[in-house]
Amino acid sequence: MALVTPRPLNAPLPSASSPAAPAKPRVQPATRPLPKPVSPEPLWHVILFNDDLHSFDYVIEMLHSVFGYDVEKGYRMAKEVDEHGRVIVATVHKELAELRLEQILEYGPDPSMPESPGSMKAEIQPAA
């Protein structure tokens, strides 16, 4: 059995540059080309059109039910559609725009207005 001389506690550890340890060659990791960035989906506007057959309360309630908008935001949009004839209620990717359009068109008539024949009119258009 060979005797090993213990190293003093305060003695430095052997380093890669010391003659006791042979230098290891540096190996560069293999490089791969970066993947092409994924281009974002084009955005679409969901546009609500004004009519005289739905009340502000109906518009506010519908926007809350379909989009989750609070009363204040619903009121601002109801006022804009009333004053300008249309309002962009959302700008989202096409699949979600189609879903929101369907939800608006299927929301039903305004129960506070007997002459209301059905849902409000809406459409989607490309945002760009």
Protein backbone atom coordinates (compact mmCIF):
# COMPACT_ATOMS: atom_id res chain seq x y z
CA MET A 1 0.00 0.00 0.00
CA ALA A 2 1.31 3.41 -1.00
CA LEU A 3 1.37 6.18 1.50
CA VAL A 4 -0.35 9.40 0.52
CA THR A 5 0.89 12.55 2.11
CA PRO A 6 -2.05 14.63 3.27
CA ARG A 7 -2.26 18.10 1.81
CA PRO A 8 -2.27 20.94 4.33
CA LEU A 9 -5.73 22.57 4.70
CA ASN A 10 -4.46 25.96 3.56
CA ALA A 11 -2.60 24.60 0.49
CA PRO A 12 -4.04 25.63 -2.91
CA LEU A 13 -5.77 23.02 -5.03
CA PRO A 14 -3.96 21.92 -8.19
CA SER A 15 -5.22 23.94 -11.17
CA ALA A 16 -5.49 23.11 -14.85
CA SER A 17 -2.39 25.25 -15.50
CA SER A 18 -0.26 23.40 -12.99
CA PRO A 19 2.18 20.87 -14.40
CA ALA A 20 0.47 18.10 -12.43
CA ALA A 21 -2.75 18.27 -14.51
CA PRO A 22 -2.58 17.95 -18.29
CA ALA A 23 -4.41 20.67 -20.22
CA LYS A 24 -7.73 19.54 -21.70
CA PRO A 25 -8.60 20.75 -25.18
CA ARG A 26 -11.60 23.09 -25.36
CA VAL A 27 -14.44 21.60 -27.35
CA GLN A 28 -16.93 23.98 -28.91
CA PRO A 29 -20.54 22.86 -28.68
CA ALA A 30 -22.21 22.05 -31.96
CA THR A 31 -24.13 25.02 -33.29
CA ARG A 32 -27.54 24.74 -34.87
CA PRO A 33 -29.14 27.37 -37.01
CA LEU A 34 -31.71 29.41 -35.12
CA PRO A 35 -35.30 28.54 -35.97
CA LYS A 36 -37.15 31.08 -38.07
CA PRO A 37 -39.21 33.41 -35.92
CA VAL A 38 -42.89 32.60 -35.95
CA SER A 39 -44.81 35.47 -37.46
CA PRO A 40 -47.81 36.53 -35.40
CA GLU A 41 -51.28 35.83 -36.68
CA PRO A 42 -52.89 38.77 -38.45
CA LEU A 43 -55.37 40.69 -36.32
CA TRP A 44 -59.06 41.24 -37.05
CA HIS A 45 -61.47 43.89 -35.79
CA VAL A 46 -64.86 42.90 -34.43
CA ILE A 47 -67.14 45.80 -35.36
CA LEU A 48 -70.56 46.47 -33.83
CA PHE A 49 -73.09 48.56 -35.78
CA ASN A 50 -75.70 50.92 -34.36
CA ASP A 51 -79.43 50.58 -34.70
CA ASP A 52 -82.43 52.07 -32.94
CA LEU A 53 -83.74 48.69 -31.82
CA HIS A 54 -81.40 48.08 -28.87
CA SER A 55 -80.99 50.07 -25.67
CA PHE A 56 -77.76 51.21 -24.03
CA ASP A 57 -78.46 48.69 -21.26
CA TYR A 58 -78.67 45.89 -23.84
CA VAL A 59 -75.35 46.90 -25.43
CA ILE A 60 -73.61 47.17 -22.05
CA GLU A 61 -75.00 43.80 -20.93
CA MET A 62 -74.08 42.10 -24.23
CA LEU A 63 -70.52 43.47 -24.19
CA HIS A 64 -70.13 42.27 -20.60
CA SER A 65 -71.49 38.82 -21.44
CA VAL A 66 -69.48 38.31 -24.64
CA PHE A 67 -66.24 40.19 -23.87
CA GLY A 68 -66.23 40.52 -20.09
CA TYR A 69 -66.14 44.33 -20.29
CA ASP A 70 -67.10 46.24 -17.16
CA VAL A 71 -70.05 48.66 -17.12
CA GLU A 72 -67.86 51.72 -17.69
CA LYS A 73 -66.17 50.31 -20.80
CA GLY A 74 -69.49 48.96 -22.06
CA TYR A 75 -71.07 52.39 -21.65
CA ARG A 76 -68.21 54.11 -23.53
CA MET A 77 -68.60 51.66 -26.42
CA ALA A 78 -72.41 51.98 -26.41
CA LYS A 79 -72.04 55.77 -26.58
CA GLU A 80 -69.50 55.52 -29.42
CA VAL A 81 -71.67 53.17 -31.49
CA ASP A 82 -74.65 55.48 -30.89
CA GLU A 83 -72.75 58.62 -31.93
CA HIS A 84 -70.63 57.21 -34.78
CA GLY A 85 -72.72 54.32 -36.08
CA ARG A 86 -70.05 51.71 -35.36
CA VAL A 87 -67.45 50.77 -32.80
CA ILE A 88 -64.54 48.34 -32.77
CA VAL A 89 -65.28 46.13 -29.78
CA ALA A 90 -62.21 43.89 -30.09
CA THR A 91 -59.06 43.37 -32.16
CA VAL A 92 -57.99 39.74 -31.99
CA HIS A 93 -56.80 36.83 -34.14
CA LYS A 94 -59.28 35.60 -36.77
CA GLU A 95 -60.55 32.50 -34.98
CA LEU A 96 -61.43 34.46 -31.85
CA ALA A 97 -62.93 37.29 -33.95
CA GLU A 98 -65.21 34.75 -35.66
CA LEU A 99 -66.26 33.33 -32.30
CA ARG A 100 -67.03 36.78 -30.85
CA LEU A 101 -68.99 37.71 -33.99
CA GLU A 102 -71.07 34.55 -33.66
CA GLN A 103 -71.72 35.30 -29.98
CA ILE A 104 -72.91 38.84 -30.81
CA LEU A 105 -75.17 37.63 -33.63
CA GLU A 106 -76.70 34.93 -31.42
CA TYR A 107 -77.18 37.12 -28.34
CA GLY A 108 -80.84 37.70 -29.12
CA PRO A 109 -83.29 40.59 -29.04
CA ASP A 110 -83.45 43.36 -26.47
CA PRO A 111 -86.17 42.29 -24.01
CA SER A 112 -86.82 45.92 -23.01
CA MET A 113 -87.76 46.87 -26.59
CA PRO A 114 -90.66 44.86 -28.05
CA GLU A 115 -89.80 46.06 -31.58
CA SER A 116 -86.28 44.54 -31.30
CA PRO A 117 -86.25 41.71 -33.88
CA GLY A 118 -83.01 40.07 -32.80
CA SER A 119 -79.34 40.67 -32.10
CA MET A 120 -77.35 43.69 -33.15
CA LYS A 121 -75.48 43.67 -36.45
CA ALA A 122 -71.73 43.11 -36.43
CA GLU A 123 -68.93 41.99 -38.72
CA ILE A 124 -65.20 41.26 -38.72
CA GLN A 125 -62.60 43.02 -40.87
CA PRO A 126 -58.82 42.67 -41.16
CA ALA A 127 -57.11 45.13 -38.83
CA ALA A 128 -54.33 45.97 -41.27
